[in-house]
Amino acid sequence: MFKKTLLTAAIVMAATASVAEAKTFKVGMGDPMDSDQGALAQRFEELVESLSDGEMQVELFPGGQLGSETGMIQDTRIGKLDFALVGVGNLTPYAARLGALTMPYALRSHADAVKATTGPLADRWNAIAEEEAGVHIVSWLYSNFRHLTNSQRPVTTLADVEGLKVRVPQNEIMLASYEAWGASPISMSWPEVFTGLQQGVIDGQDNPYIVNSTMKFHEVQDHLTELHAQYSLQPIVMGVRSYEGLSDEERAIIDRAGLEAQLYALQFQLTKASEARATMEAEGVEMATLEDEDEWIRVAREEVWPQFFDDIGGQEAFEEMQAALGH
């Protein structure tokens, strides 16, 4: 009996020591858990813990618990936060050349988005992020195209968007795009958008199909137009100093988990986006497609792209990316 007690105590002590020795990593994100961000983060957590046999633990902090995306980027840069899941546009103030991914109609399909964030192009963006922003890109979330919703009228041609007050993030390229198309873009923080739509401060907004239950846009928007101008990419980033402080084995686990979670989240988003679209349609939102998207592309190429070539690394670099994508 005494030996059995000693054996049990030894097992408990060993398990306790193992937990104590495990490294814990925090992941901050702005969206709730029932979102594509949540799906990516949860899969990343599962993979890291499984691949490390529990020696690496991941804690998720959704819903902006750890601050704004800008604040979380700052915290990862200095090593205060391990990982941040953020919109690529929020990285561009630190790494301007990443703005190439936010240029209107730079990416025109899901295949473009995947090709731009895997292989040689992925290596290019990661090198830029490490050099300019001080962060390592671990994974990419494919949040689909930012479709336009509004409360005023169907938008099927460029003329239909004239004068619409459209909320856009605090992103110069997106502001310039809607201005060139004839809309009246208004920069507004995300938490203010739903109220702004309710009160008529703005007529519309653009976002991927919302795959969480907290934003019921069908209650304040009557029309949706599928645009293919802006593909919403959201990377998980880790500070370079934190990443380099890991062992070779730990870095390999992080990178593998990031890639596998990336592929999982792509399928999740495509499936859930279809469901979200069907829900909005069932709730009475009128769906439309553009009859003249070639004209939207022409305006973007002629009036928007030249404004930002210098900011994103030059026209030649951007055209090389376009050529790599087959455009």
C-alpha atoms as a PDB file:
ATOM      1  CA  MET A   1       0.000   0.000   0.000  1.00  0.00           C
ATOM      2  CA  PHE A   2       2.839   2.351   0.927  1.00  0.00           C
ATOM      3  CA  LYS A   3       4.610   1.619  -2.400  1.00  0.00           C
ATOM      4  CA  LYS A   4       1.394   2.218  -4.339  1.00  0.00           C
ATOM      5  CA  THR A   5       0.956   5.571  -2.596  1.00  0.00           C
ATOM      6  CA  LEU A   6       4.534   6.555  -3.446  1.00  0.00           C
ATOM      7  CA  LEU A   7       4.011   5.555  -7.088  1.00  0.00           C
ATOM      8  CA  THR A   8       0.812   7.610  -7.339  1.00  0.00           C
ATOM      9  CA  ALA A   9       2.546  10.607  -5.786  1.00  0.00           C
ATOM     10  CA  ALA A  10       5.434  10.288  -8.221  1.00  0.00           C
ATOM     11  CA  ILE A  11       3.056  10.213 -11.190  1.00  0.00           C
ATOM     12  CA  VAL A  12       1.224  13.296  -9.923  1.00  0.00           C
ATOM     13  CA  MET A  13       4.508  15.121  -9.329  1.00  0.00           C
ATOM     14  CA  ALA A  14       5.770  14.234 -12.790  1.00  0.00           C
ATOM     15  CA  ALA A  15       2.560  15.447 -14.406  1.00  0.00           C
ATOM     16  CA  THR A  16       2.681  18.662 -12.388  1.00  0.00           C
ATOM     17  CA  ALA A  17       6.296  19.243 -13.370  1.00  0.00           C
ATOM     18  CA  SER A  18       5.447  18.627 -17.026  1.00  0.00           C
ATOM     19  CA  VAL A  19       2.678  21.232 -16.925  1.00  0.00           C
ATOM     20  CA  ALA A  20       4.958  23.662 -15.102  1.00  0.00           C
ATOM     21  CA  GLU A  21       7.630  23.233 -17.756  1.00  0.00           C
ATOM     22  CA  ALA A  22       5.224  23.820 -20.670  1.00  0.00           C
ATOM     23  CA  LYS A  23       5.567  27.120 -22.454  1.00  0.00           C
ATOM     24  CA  THR A  24       2.380  29.137 -22.777  1.00  0.00           C
ATOM     25  CA  PHE A  25       1.774  31.463 -25.721  1.00  0.00           C
ATOM     26  CA  LYS A  26      -0.952  34.103 -25.897  1.00  0.00           C
ATOM     27  CA  VAL A  27      -2.828  34.893 -29.110  1.00  0.00           C
ATOM     28  CA  GLY A  28      -4.772  38.157 -29.343  1.00  0.00           C
ATOM     29  CA  MET A  29      -7.462  38.835 -31.942  1.00  0.00           C
ATOM     30  CA  GLY A  30     -10.237  41.318 -32.558  1.00  0.00           C
ATOM     31  CA  ASP A  31     -13.115  39.035 -33.582  1.00  0.00           C
ATOM     32  CA  PRO A  32     -15.159  36.640 -31.412  1.00  0.00           C
ATOM     33  CA  MET A  33     -14.571  32.908 -31.308  1.00  0.00           C
ATOM     34  CA  ASP A  34     -17.512  32.133 -33.630  1.00  0.00           C
ATOM     35  CA  SER A  35     -15.726  33.739 -36.574  1.00  0.00           C
ATOM     36  CA  ASP A  36     -13.146  32.747 -39.158  1.00  0.00           C
ATOM     37  CA  GLN A  37     -10.509  34.337 -36.920  1.00  0.00           C
ATOM     38  CA  GLY A  38     -11.691  32.052 -34.140  1.00  0.00           C
ATOM     39  CA  ALA A  39     -11.584  29.015 -36.423  1.00  0.00           C
ATOM     40  CA  LEU A  40      -7.981  29.731 -37.452  1.00  0.00           C
ATOM     41  CA  ALA A  41      -6.869  30.462 -33.897  1.00  0.00           C
ATOM     42  CA  GLN A  42      -8.496  27.340 -32.460  1.00  0.00           C
ATOM     43  CA  ARG A  43      -6.951  25.125 -35.108  1.00  0.00           C
ATOM     44  CA  PHE A  44      -3.567  26.759 -34.534  1.00  0.00           C
ATOM     45  CA  GLU A  45      -3.915  26.108 -30.795  1.00  0.00           C
ATOM     46  CA  GLU A  46      -4.802  22.436 -31.342  1.00  0.00           C
ATOM     47  CA  LEU A  47      -1.910  21.880 -33.721  1.00  0.00           C
ATOM     48  CA  VAL A  48       0.746  23.574 -31.593  1.00  0.00           C
ATOM     49  CA  GLU A  49      -0.270  21.616 -28.516  1.00  0.00           C
ATOM     50  CA  SER A  50      -0.510  18.326 -30.417  1.00  0.00           C
ATOM     51  CA  LEU A  51       2.754  18.693 -32.346  1.00  0.00           C
ATOM     52  CA  SER A  52       4.616  19.623 -29.156  1.00  0.00           C
ATOM     53  CA  ASP A  53       3.056  16.813 -27.099  1.00  0.00           C
ATOM     54  CA  GLY A  54       1.667  19.437 -24.769  1.00  0.00           C
ATOM     55  CA  GLU A  55       4.987  21.103 -24.083  1.00  0.00           C
ATOM     56  CA  MET A  56       3.731  24.242 -25.822  1.00  0.00           C
ATOM     57  CA  GLN A  57       0.353  25.594 -24.729  1.00  0.00           C
ATOM     58  CA  VAL A  58      -1.711  28.293 -26.465  1.00  0.00           C
ATOM     59  CA  GLU A  59      -4.223  30.661 -24.855  1.00  0.00           C
ATOM     60  CA  LEU A  60      -6.691  32.567 -27.046  1.00  0.00           C
ATOM     61  CA  PHE A  61      -7.948  36.074 -26.280  1.00  0.00           C
ATOM     62  CA  PRO A  62     -10.760  36.951 -28.735  1.00  0.00           C
ATOM     63  CA  GLY A  63     -12.967  39.988 -29.019  1.00  0.00           C
ATOM     64  CA  GLY A  64     -10.275  42.614 -28.562  1.00  0.00           C
ATOM     65  CA  GLN A  65      -9.546  41.564 -24.973  1.00  0.00           C
ATOM     66  CA  LEU A  66      -5.900  42.516 -25.420  1.00  0.00           C
ATOM     67  CA  GLY A  67      -6.558  45.813 -27.191  1.00  0.00           C
ATOM     68  CA  SER A  68      -6.881  47.124 -30.718  1.00  0.00           C
ATOM     69  CA  GLU A  69      -5.137  45.458 -33.635  1.00  0.00           C
ATOM     70  CA  THR A  70      -2.654  48.316 -33.767  1.00  0.00           C
ATOM     71  CA  GLY A  71      -1.948  47.912 -30.071  1.00  0.00           C
ATOM     72  CA  MET A  72      -1.524  44.160 -30.403  1.00  0.00           C
ATOM     73  CA  ILE A  73       0.925  44.612 -33.267  1.00  0.00           C
ATOM     74  CA  GLN A  74       2.957  46.960 -31.097  1.00  0.00           C
ATOM     75  CA  ASP A  75       2.913  44.441 -28.257  1.00  0.00           C
ATOM     76  CA  THR A  76       4.127  41.597 -30.493  1.00  0.00           C
ATOM     77  CA  ARG A  77       6.923  43.786 -31.858  1.00  0.00           C
ATOM     78  CA  ILE A  78       8.311  44.363 -28.367  1.00  0.00           C
ATOM     79  CA  GLY A  79       7.637  40.827 -27.146  1.00  0.00           C
ATOM     80  CA  LYS A  80       4.879  41.741 -24.697  1.00  0.00           C
ATOM     81  CA  LEU A  81       2.389  39.581 -26.662  1.00  0.00           C
ATOM     82  CA  ASP A  82       3.304  36.328 -28.376  1.00  0.00           C
ATOM     83  CA  PHE A  83       0.914  36.355 -31.338  1.00  0.00           C
ATOM     84  CA  ALA A  84      -1.563  38.788 -32.894  1.00  0.00           C
ATOM     85  CA  LEU A  85      -4.151  37.969 -35.560  1.00  0.00           C
ATOM     86  CA  VAL A  86      -4.703  41.201 -37.496  1.00  0.00           C
ATOM     87  CA  GLY A  87      -5.826  42.609 -40.828  1.00  0.00           C
ATOM     88  CA  VAL A  88      -2.919  43.053 -43.214  1.00  0.00           C
ATOM     89  CA  GLY A  89      -3.925  46.699 -43.664  1.00  0.00           C
ATOM     90  CA  ASN A  90      -3.067  47.330 -40.030  1.00  0.00           C
ATOM     91  CA  LEU A  91       0.484  46.130 -40.699  1.00  0.00           C
ATOM     92  CA  THR A  92       1.067  48.561 -43.549  1.00  0.00           C
ATOM     93  CA  PRO A  93       1.913  51.535 -41.276  1.00  0.00           C
ATOM     94  CA  TYR A  94       4.932  49.482 -40.163  1.00  0.00           C
ATOM     95  CA  ALA A  95       5.668  47.713 -43.455  1.00  0.00           C
ATOM     96  CA  ALA A  96       4.390  49.878 -46.300  1.00  0.00           C
ATOM     97  CA  ARG A  97       5.314  47.392 -49.023  1.00  0.00           C
ATOM     98  CA  LEU A  98       2.673  45.002 -47.675  1.00  0.00           C
ATOM     99  CA  GLY A  99       0.209  47.548 -49.026  1.00  0.00           C
ATOM    100  CA  ALA A 100       0.581  45.826 -52.399  1.00  0.00           C
ATOM    101  CA  LEU A 101      -1.832  43.210 -51.036  1.00  0.00           C
ATOM    102  CA  THR A 102      -4.458  45.864 -50.347  1.00  0.00           C
ATOM    103  CA  MET A 103      -4.373  47.558 -53.753  1.00  0.00           C
ATOM    104  CA  PRO A 104      -7.798  47.394 -55.442  1.00  0.00           C
ATOM    105  CA  TYR A 105      -8.040  44.415 -57.771  1.00  0.00           C
ATOM    106  CA  ALA A 106      -4.509  43.268 -56.985  1.00  0.00           C
ATOM    107  CA  LEU A 107      -6.092  39.928 -56.034  1.00  0.00           C
ATOM    108  CA  ARG A 108      -9.117  38.897 -58.082  1.00  0.00           C
ATOM    109  CA  SER A 109      -9.859  35.343 -56.966  1.00  0.00           C
ATOM    110  CA  HIS A 110      -9.395  32.925 -54.090  1.00  0.00           C
ATOM    111  CA  ALA A 111      -6.654  31.301 -56.144  1.00  0.00           C
ATOM    112  CA  ASP A 112      -4.860  34.650 -56.346  1.00  0.00           C
ATOM    113  CA  ALA A 113      -5.070  35.061 -52.569  1.00  0.00           C
ATOM    114  CA  VAL A 114      -3.633  31.599 -51.946  1.00  0.00           C
ATOM    115  CA  LYS A 115      -0.853  31.998 -54.522  1.00  0.00           C
ATOM    116  CA  ALA A 116       0.052  35.411 -53.101  1.00  0.00           C
ATOM    117  CA  THR A 117       0.499  33.979 -49.607  1.00  0.00           C
ATOM    118  CA  THR A 118       2.267  30.688 -50.322  1.00  0.00           C
ATOM    119  CA  GLY A 119       5.565  29.807 -51.948  1.00  0.00           C
ATOM    120  CA  PRO A 120       7.948  32.544 -53.153  1.00  0.00           C
ATOM    121  CA  LEU A 121       5.454  35.377 -52.703  1.00  0.00           C
ATOM    122  CA  ALA A 122       4.812  34.358 -49.099  1.00  0.00           C
ATOM    123  CA  ASP A 123       8.565  34.388 -48.490  1.00  0.00           C
ATOM    124  CA  ARG A 124       8.710  37.880 -49.959  1.00  0.00           C
ATOM    125  CA  TRP A 125       5.997  39.277 -47.651  1.00  0.00           C
ATOM    126  CA  ASN A 126       7.519  37.609 -44.620  1.00  0.00           C
ATOM    127  CA  ALA A 127      10.943  39.086 -45.372  1.00  0.00           C
ATOM    128  CA  ILE A 128       9.345  42.533 -45.664  1.00  0.00           C
ATOM    129  CA  ALA A 129       7.375  42.063 -42.431  1.00  0.00           C
ATOM    130  CA  GLU A 130      10.471  40.964 -40.549  1.00  0.00           C
ATOM    131  CA  GLU A 131      12.679  43.730 -41.933  1.00  0.00           C
ATOM    132  CA  GLU A 132      10.257  46.649 -41.685  1.00  0.00           C
ATOM    133  CA  ALA A 133       7.707  45.740 -39.010  1.00  0.00           C
ATOM    134  CA  GLY A 134       9.771  43.448 -36.820  1.00  0.00           C
ATOM    135  CA  VAL A 135       7.238  40.617 -36.997  1.00  0.00           C
ATOM    136  CA  HIS A 136       7.306  37.114 -38.436  1.00  0.00           C
ATOM    137  CA  ILE A 137       4.228  35.960 -40.367  1.00  0.00           C
ATOM    138  CA  VAL A 138       3.152  32.589 -39.011  1.00  0.00           C
ATOM    139  CA  SER A 139      -0.098  32.040 -40.878  1.00  0.00           C
ATOM    140  CA  TRP A 140      -2.609  33.712 -43.190  1.00  0.00           C
ATOM    141  CA  LEU A 141      -6.374  33.864 -42.765  1.00  0.00           C
ATOM    142  CA  TYR A 142      -8.383  34.109 -45.988  1.00  0.00           C
ATOM    143  CA  SER A 143     -11.445  36.169 -45.063  1.00  0.00           C
ATOM    144  CA  ASN A 144     -12.789  36.433 -48.612  1.00  0.00           C
ATOM    145  CA  PHE A 145     -13.626  39.521 -50.660  1.00  0.00           C
ATOM    146  CA  ARG A 146     -15.003  42.666 -49.066  1.00  0.00           C
ATOM    147  CA  HIS A 147     -18.513  42.954 -50.490  1.00  0.00           C
ATOM    148  CA  LEU A 148     -20.442  46.223 -50.484  1.00  0.00           C
ATOM    149  CA  THR A 149     -23.693  46.584 -48.537  1.00  0.00           C
ATOM    150  CA  ASN A 150     -25.892  49.672 -48.376  1.00  0.00           C
ATOM    151  CA  SER A 151     -29.340  50.881 -47.354  1.00  0.00           C
ATOM    152  CA  GLN A 152     -30.099  53.136 -50.328  1.00  0.00           C
ATOM    153  CA  ARG A 153     -30.238  51.269 -53.650  1.00  0.00           C
ATOM    154  CA  PRO A 154     -28.930  48.299 -55.625  1.00  0.00           C
ATOM    155  CA  VAL A 155     -25.398  48.816 -56.915  1.00  0.00           C
ATOM    156  CA  THR A 156     -24.882  47.053 -60.230  1.00  0.00           C
ATOM    157  CA  THR A 157     -22.817  49.684 -62.082  1.00  0.00           C
ATOM    158  CA  LEU A 158     -20.190  52.266 -61.245  1.00  0.00           C
ATOM    159  CA  ALA A 159     -22.801  55.017 -61.563  1.00  0.00           C
ATOM    160  CA  ASP A 160     -24.876  53.450 -58.780  1.00  0.00           C
ATOM    161  CA  VAL A 161     -22.193  54.000 -56.132  1.00  0.00           C
ATOM    162  CA  GLU A 162     -22.047  57.755 -56.801  1.00  0.00           C
ATOM    163  CA  GLY A 163     -22.404  59.703 -53.550  1.00  0.00           C
ATOM    164  CA  LEU A 164     -22.982  56.712 -51.262  1.00  0.00           C
ATOM    165  CA  LYS A 165     -21.522  57.272 -47.792  1.00  0.00           C
ATOM    166  CA  VAL A 166     -19.443  54.128 -47.409  1.00  0.00           C
ATOM    167  CA  ARG A 167     -17.532  53.277 -44.279  1.00  0.00           C
ATOM    168  CA  VAL A 168     -13.979  52.079 -44.886  1.00  0.00           C
ATOM    169  CA  PRO A 169     -11.163  51.262 -42.434  1.00  0.00           C
ATOM    170  CA  GLN A 170      -8.469  53.839 -41.757  1.00  0.00           C
ATOM    171  CA  ASN A 171      -6.600  52.835 -44.893  1.00  0.00           C
ATOM    172  CA  GLU A 172      -5.507  55.396 -47.481  1.00  0.00           C
ATOM    173  CA  ILE A 173      -5.657  52.967 -50.391  1.00  0.00           C
ATOM    174  CA  MET A 174      -9.235  51.976 -49.617  1.00  0.00           C
ATOM    175  CA  LEU A 175     -10.274  55.599 -49.134  1.00  0.00           C
ATOM    176  CA  ALA A 176      -8.711  56.537 -52.471  1.00  0.00           C
ATOM    177  CA  SER A 177     -10.420  53.602 -54.181  1.00  0.00           C
ATOM    178  CA  TYR A 178     -13.929  54.575 -53.156  1.00  0.00           C
ATOM    179  CA  GLU A 179     -13.243  58.208 -53.953  1.00  0.00           C
ATOM    180  CA  ALA A 180     -12.111  57.239 -57.457  1.00  0.00           C
ATOM    181  CA  TRP A 181     -15.279  55.173 -57.922  1.00  0.00           C
ATOM    182  CA  GLY A 182     -17.401  58.186 -56.996  1.00  0.00           C
ATOM    183  CA  ALA A 183     -18.550  57.238 -53.502  1.00  0.00           C
ATOM    184  CA  SER A 184     -18.149  59.353 -50.348  1.00  0.00           C
ATOM    185  CA  PRO A 185     -15.920  57.158 -48.156  1.00  0.00           C
ATOM    186  CA  ILE A 186     -15.906  57.768 -44.416  1.00  0.00           C
ATOM    187  CA  SER A 187     -13.173  56.326 -42.211  1.00  0.00           C
ATOM    188  CA  MET A 188     -14.708  54.861 -39.062  1.00  0.00           C
ATOM    189  CA  SER A 189     -13.527  52.391 -36.425  1.00  0.00           C
ATOM    190  CA  TRP A 190     -15.167  48.977 -36.581  1.00  0.00           C
ATOM    191  CA  PRO A 191     -17.042  49.129 -33.234  1.00  0.00           C
ATOM    192  CA  GLU A 192     -18.881  52.251 -34.452  1.00  0.00           C
ATOM    193  CA  VAL A 193     -20.044  50.820 -37.784  1.00  0.00           C
ATOM    194  CA  PHE A 194     -23.287  49.088 -36.820  1.00  0.00           C
ATOM    195  CA  THR A 195     -24.522  52.105 -34.874  1.00  0.00           C
ATOM    196  CA  GLY A 196     -23.484  54.377 -37.734  1.00  0.00           C
ATOM    197  CA  LEU A 197     -25.591  52.319 -40.124  1.00  0.00           C
ATOM    198  CA  GLN A 198     -28.564  52.354 -37.743  1.00  0.00           C
ATOM    199  CA  GLN A 199     -28.401  56.133 -37.371  1.00  0.00           C
ATOM    200  CA  GLY A 200     -27.803  56.859 -41.053  1.00  0.00           C
ATOM    201  CA  VAL A 201     -24.405  58.426 -40.484  1.00  0.00           C
ATOM    202  CA  ILE A 202     -23.222  56.070 -43.211  1.00  0.00           C
ATOM    203  CA  ASP A 203     -25.183  54.371 -45.975  1.00  0.00           C
ATOM    204  CA  GLY A 204     -23.051  51.292 -46.314  1.00  0.00           C
ATOM    205  CA  GLN A 205     -19.857  49.427 -45.608  1.00  0.00           C
ATOM    206  CA  ASP A 206     -17.708  46.750 -47.181  1.00  0.00           C
ATOM    207  CA  ASN A 207     -16.709  43.501 -45.551  1.00  0.00           C
ATOM    208  CA  PRO A 208     -16.519  39.788 -46.259  1.00  0.00           C
ATOM    209  CA  TYR A 209     -19.655  37.818 -45.484  1.00  0.00           C
ATOM    210  CA  ILE A 210     -19.804  37.970 -41.696  1.00  0.00           C
ATOM    211  CA  VAL A 211     -19.433  34.457 -40.305  1.00  0.00           C
ATOM    212  CA  ASN A 212     -20.276  35.231 -36.677  1.00  0.00           C
ATOM    213  CA  SER A 213     -23.658  35.899 -35.100  1.00  0.00           C
ATOM    214  CA  THR A 214     -22.950  39.254 -33.480  1.00  0.00           C
ATOM    215  CA  MET A 215     -23.241  41.500 -36.546  1.00  0.00           C
ATOM    216  CA  LYS A 216     -26.724  41.232 -38.068  1.00  0.00           C
ATOM    217  CA  PHE A 217     -26.221  43.487 -41.073  1.00  0.00           C
ATOM    218  CA  HIS A 218     -29.504  42.391 -42.610  1.00  0.00           C
ATOM    219  CA  GLU A 219     -31.216  44.495 -39.929  1.00  0.00           C
ATOM    220  CA  VAL A 220     -29.675  47.741 -41.212  1.00  0.00           C
ATOM    221  CA  GLN A 221     -28.749  47.025 -44.851  1.00  0.00           C
ATOM    222  CA  ASP A 222     -31.086  46.266 -47.751  1.00  0.00           C
ATOM    223  CA  HIS A 223     -28.659  45.675 -50.615  1.00  0.00           C
ATOM    224  CA  LEU A 224     -25.443  43.688 -51.114  1.00  0.00           C
ATOM    225  CA  THR A 225     -23.162  43.797 -54.149  1.00  0.00           C
ATOM    226  CA  GLU A 226     -20.412  41.249 -54.627  1.00  0.00           C
ATOM    227  CA  LEU A 227     -17.190  43.139 -55.328  1.00  0.00           C
ATOM    228  CA  HIS A 228     -13.819  41.551 -56.050  1.00  0.00           C
ATOM    229  CA  ALA A 229     -11.628  44.560 -55.413  1.00  0.00           C
ATOM    230  CA  GLN A 230     -10.316  43.884 -51.920  1.00  0.00           C
ATOM    231  CA  TYR A 231      -9.468  40.405 -50.635  1.00  0.00           C
ATOM    232  CA  SER A 232      -9.334  40.490 -46.846  1.00  0.00           C
ATOM    233  CA  LEU A 233      -6.111  38.831 -45.665  1.00  0.00           C
ATOM    234  CA  GLN A 234      -5.352  38.542 -41.965  1.00  0.00           C
ATOM    235  CA  PRO A 235      -1.999  37.168 -40.829  1.00  0.00           C
ATOM    236  CA  ILE A 236      -1.004  35.766 -37.465  1.00  0.00           C
ATOM    237  CA  VAL A 237       2.238  37.508 -36.549  1.00  0.00           C
ATOM    238  CA  MET A 238       4.882  36.976 -33.886  1.00  0.00           C
ATOM    239  CA  GLY A 239       7.603  39.410 -32.950  1.00  0.00           C
ATOM    240  CA  VAL A 240      10.894  38.590 -34.666  1.00  0.00           C
ATOM    241  CA  ARG A 241      12.794  38.715 -31.383  1.00  0.00           C
ATOM    242  CA  SER A 242      10.316  36.311 -29.773  1.00  0.00           C
ATOM    243  CA  TYR A 243      10.418  34.000 -32.787  1.00  0.00           C
ATOM    244  CA  GLU A 244      14.216  33.949 -32.894  1.00  0.00           C
ATOM    245  CA  GLY A 245      14.265  33.232 -29.164  1.00  0.00           C
ATOM    246  CA  LEU A 246      12.575  29.887 -29.744  1.00  0.00           C
ATOM    247  CA  SER A 247      14.475  26.672 -30.317  1.00  0.00           C
ATOM    248  CA  ASP A 248      14.717  25.257 -33.846  1.00  0.00           C
ATOM    249  CA  GLU A 249      12.158  22.598 -32.897  1.00  0.00           C
ATOM    250  CA  GLU A 250       9.735  25.165 -31.486  1.00  0.00           C
ATOM    251  CA  ARG A 251       9.996  27.351 -34.581  1.00  0.00           C
ATOM    252  CA  ALA A 252       9.336  24.325 -36.787  1.00  0.00           C
ATOM    253  CA  ILE A 253       6.218  23.491 -34.760  1.00  0.00           C
ATOM    254  CA  ILE A 254       4.938  27.064 -34.925  1.00  0.00           C
ATOM    255  CA  ASP A 255       5.468  27.290 -38.690  1.00  0.00           C
ATOM    256  CA  ARG A 256       3.924  23.897 -39.420  1.00  0.00           C
ATOM    257  CA  ALA A 257       0.923  24.630 -37.204  1.00  0.00           C
ATOM    258  CA  GLY A 258       0.503  27.988 -38.916  1.00  0.00           C
ATOM    259  CA  LEU A 259       0.497  26.502 -42.420  1.00  0.00           C
ATOM    260  CA  GLU A 260      -1.887  23.659 -41.576  1.00  0.00           C
ATOM    261  CA  ALA A 261      -4.259  26.024 -39.744  1.00  0.00           C
ATOM    262  CA  GLN A 262      -4.149  28.336 -42.765  1.00  0.00           C
ATOM    263  CA  LEU A 263      -5.394  25.592 -45.086  1.00  0.00           C
ATOM    264  CA  TYR A 264      -8.066  24.538 -42.605  1.00  0.00           C
ATOM    265  CA  ALA A 265      -9.343  28.097 -42.191  1.00  0.00           C
ATOM    266  CA  LEU A 266      -9.622  28.614 -45.953  1.00  0.00           C
ATOM    267  CA  GLN A 267     -12.094  25.751 -46.249  1.00  0.00           C
ATOM    268  CA  PHE A 268     -13.920  26.930 -43.126  1.00  0.00           C
ATOM    269  CA  GLN A 269     -14.348  30.447 -44.471  1.00  0.00           C
ATOM    270  CA  LEU A 270     -15.586  29.364 -47.891  1.00  0.00           C
ATOM    271  CA  THR A 271     -18.182  27.094 -46.306  1.00  0.00           C
ATOM    272  CA  LYS A 272     -19.356  29.579 -43.692  1.00  0.00           C
ATOM    273  CA  ALA A 273     -19.420  32.472 -46.158  1.00  0.00           C
ATOM    274  CA  SER A 274     -21.891  30.559 -48.301  1.00  0.00           C
ATOM    275  CA  GLU A 275     -24.052  29.986 -45.232  1.00  0.00           C
ATOM    276  CA  ALA A 276     -23.831  33.664 -44.230  1.00  0.00           C
ATOM    277  CA  ARG A 277     -24.792  34.746 -47.740  1.00  0.00           C
ATOM    278  CA  ALA A 278     -27.800  32.438 -47.707  1.00  0.00           C
ATOM    279  CA  THR A 279     -28.861  33.810 -44.319  1.00  0.00           C
ATOM    280  CA  MET A 280     -28.703  37.405 -45.521  1.00  0.00           C
ATOM    281  CA  GLU A 281     -30.674  36.536 -48.644  1.00  0.00           C
ATOM    282  CA  ALA A 282     -33.296  34.704 -46.571  1.00  0.00           C
ATOM    283  CA  GLU A 283     -33.607  37.781 -44.363  1.00  0.00           C
ATOM    284  CA  GLY A 284     -34.525  39.881 -47.367  1.00  0.00           C
ATOM    285  CA  VAL A 285     -31.223  41.463 -48.391  1.00  0.00           C
ATOM    286  CA  GLU A 286     -31.236  42.026 -52.158  1.00  0.00           C
ATOM    287  CA  MET A 287     -28.182  40.433 -53.776  1.00  0.00           C
ATOM    288  CA  ALA A 288     -26.508  41.919 -56.859  1.00  0.00           C
ATOM    289  CA  THR A 289     -23.442  41.481 -59.031  1.00  0.00           C
ATOM    290  CA  LEU A 290     -21.652  44.143 -61.029  1.00  0.00           C
ATOM    291  CA  GLU A 291     -22.458  44.477 -64.695  1.00  0.00           C
ATOM    292  CA  ASP A 292     -19.365  46.572 -65.406  1.00  0.00           C
ATOM    293  CA  GLU A 293     -16.626  45.333 -63.080  1.00  0.00           C
ATOM    294  CA  ASP A 294     -14.094  45.824 -65.872  1.00  0.00           C
ATOM    295  CA  GLU A 295     -14.777  49.548 -65.542  1.00  0.00           C
ATOM    296  CA  TRP A 296     -14.119  49.420 -61.789  1.00  0.00           C
ATOM    297  CA  ILE A 297     -10.817  47.684 -62.560  1.00  0.00           C
ATOM    298  CA  ARG A 298      -9.908  50.302 -65.177  1.00  0.00           C
ATOM    299  CA  VAL A 299     -10.491  53.150 -62.715  1.00  0.00           C
ATOM    300  CA  ALA A 300      -8.427  51.364 -60.074  1.00  0.00           C
ATOM    301  CA  ARG A 301      -5.526  50.764 -62.466  1.00  0.00           C
ATOM    302  CA  GLU A 302      -5.499  54.281 -63.903  1.00  0.00           C
ATOM    303  CA  GLU A 303      -6.465  56.448 -60.959  1.00  0.00           C
ATOM    304  CA  VAL A 304      -5.604  54.562 -57.763  1.00  0.00           C
ATOM    305  CA  TRP A 305      -2.572  52.390 -58.421  1.00  0.00           C
ATOM    306  CA  PRO A 306      -0.277  55.232 -59.561  1.00  0.00           C
ATOM    307  CA  GLN A 307      -0.951  57.146 -56.325  1.00  0.00           C
ATOM    308  CA  PHE A 308       0.597  54.397 -54.218  1.00  0.00           C
ATOM    309  CA  PHE A 309       3.372  52.799 -56.269  1.00  0.00           C
ATOM    310  CA  ASP A 310       6.044  54.693 -54.338  1.00  0.00           C
ATOM    311  CA  ASP A 311       4.549  53.598 -51.004  1.00  0.00           C
ATOM    312  CA  ILE A 312       4.437  49.891 -51.804  1.00  0.00           C
ATOM    313  CA  GLY A 313       7.920  49.418 -53.207  1.00  0.00           C
ATOM    314  CA  GLY A 314       7.561  50.784 -56.716  1.00  0.00           C
ATOM    315  CA  GLN A 315       5.593  50.081 -59.864  1.00  0.00           C
ATOM    316  CA  GLU A 316       8.032  47.435 -61.071  1.00  0.00           C
ATOM    317  CA  ALA A 317       7.692  45.352 -57.887  1.00  0.00           C
ATOM    318  CA  PHE A 318       3.909  45.568 -58.025  1.00  0.00           C
ATOM    319  CA  GLU A 319       3.813  44.577 -61.674  1.00  0.00           C
ATOM    320  CA  GLU A 320       6.088  41.626 -60.908  1.00  0.00           C
ATOM    321  CA  MET A 321       3.536  40.455 -58.349  1.00  0.00           C
ATOM    322  CA  GLN A 322       0.739  40.881 -60.875  1.00  0.00           C
ATOM    323  CA  ALA A 323       2.704  38.905 -63.453  1.00  0.00           C
ATOM    324  CA  ALA A 324       3.293  36.126 -60.914  1.00  0.00           C
ATOM    325  CA  LEU A 325      -0.477  35.954 -60.443  1.00  0.00           C
ATOM    326  CA  GLY A 326      -1.055  35.802 -64.185  1.00  0.00           C
ATOM    327  CA  HIS A 327      -2.625  39.254 -64.565  1.00  0.00           C
END
